[in-house]
Every structure is written in structure tokens, then in C-alpha cells.
């Protein structure tokens, strides 16, 4: 379950970075 949480956090961070770049 920890892996799922980590993946979710990474996904949120990546999405935020993409939004900032755009």
C-alpha cells in the first residue's frame, strides 16, 4: 500500500511541475 501512496505523491508532484511549466 505504501508503494501506491508514494506513486500518488510522485504523480501529484509531476502534475504540479507540468502545470508550472505550461
N, C-alpha and C. Protein backbone atom coordinates (compact mmCIF):
# COMPACT_ATOMS: atom_id res chain seq x y z
N UNK A 1 0.85 -1.21 0.00
CA UNK A 1 0.00 0.00 0.00
C UNK A 1 0.88 1.25 0.00
N UNK A 2 2.05 1.12 0.65
CA UNK A 2 2.96 2.28 0.71
C UNK A 2 3.37 2.70 -0.70
N UNK A 3 3.61 1.70 -1.56
CA UNK A 3 4.02 1.99 -2.94
C UNK A 3 2.95 2.83 -3.64
N UNK A 4 1.68 2.51 -3.42
CA UNK A 4 0.58 3.24 -4.06
C UNK A 4 0.59 4.70 -3.59
N UNK A 5 0.80 4.90 -2.29
CA UNK A 5 0.83 6.27 -1.76
C UNK A 5 1.99 7.06 -2.36
N UNK A 6 3.17 6.42 -2.41
CA UNK A 6 4.35 7.08 -2.97
C UNK A 6 4.11 7.44 -4.44
N UNK A 7 3.52 6.51 -5.19
CA UNK A 7 3.25 6.76 -6.61
C UNK A 7 2.28 7.93 -6.75
N UNK A 8 1.28 7.98 -5.87
CA UNK A 8 0.29 9.06 -5.93
C UNK A 8 0.97 10.40 -5.67
N UNK A 9 1.84 10.45 -4.65
CA UNK A 9 2.54 11.69 -4.31
C UNK A 9 3.42 12.13 -5.48
N UNK A 10 4.15 11.17 -6.07
CA UNK A 10 5.03 11.49 -7.21
C UNK A 10 4.18 12.02 -8.36
N UNK A 11 3.04 11.38 -8.60
CA UNK A 11 2.16 11.82 -9.69
C UNK A 11 1.68 13.25 -9.44
N UNK A 12 1.30 13.55 -8.21
CA UNK A 12 0.84 14.90 -7.89
C UNK A 12 1.96 15.91 -8.12
N UNK A 13 3.17 15.58 -7.67
CA UNK A 13 4.32 16.48 -7.85
C UNK A 13 4.59 16.70 -9.33
N UNK A 14 4.57 15.59 -10.12
CA UNK A 14 4.85 15.69 -11.56
C UNK A 14 3.79 16.57 -12.23
N UNK A 15 2.53 16.37 -11.85
CA UNK A 15 1.44 17.16 -12.43
C UNK A 15 1.64 18.64 -12.10
N UNK A 16 2.03 18.93 -10.86
CA UNK A 16 2.24 20.32 -10.45
C UNK A 16 3.37 20.95 -11.28
N UNK A 17 4.45 20.19 -11.49
CA UNK A 17 5.59 20.69 -12.27
C UNK A 17 5.15 20.97 -13.70
N UNK A 18 4.37 20.05 -14.28
CA UNK A 18 3.90 20.24 -15.66
C UNK A 18 3.04 21.49 -15.74
N UNK A 19 2.16 21.67 -14.76
CA UNK A 19 1.28 22.86 -14.76
C UNK A 19 2.12 24.13 -14.69
N UNK A 20 3.16 24.12 -13.84
CA UNK A 20 4.02 25.29 -13.71
C UNK A 20 4.77 25.58 -15.00
N UNK A 21 5.22 24.50 -15.68
CA UNK A 21 5.98 24.69 -16.93
C UNK A 21 5.09 25.30 -18.00
N UNK A 22 3.80 24.91 -18.01
CA UNK A 22 2.88 25.44 -19.02
C UNK A 22 2.48 26.85 -18.63
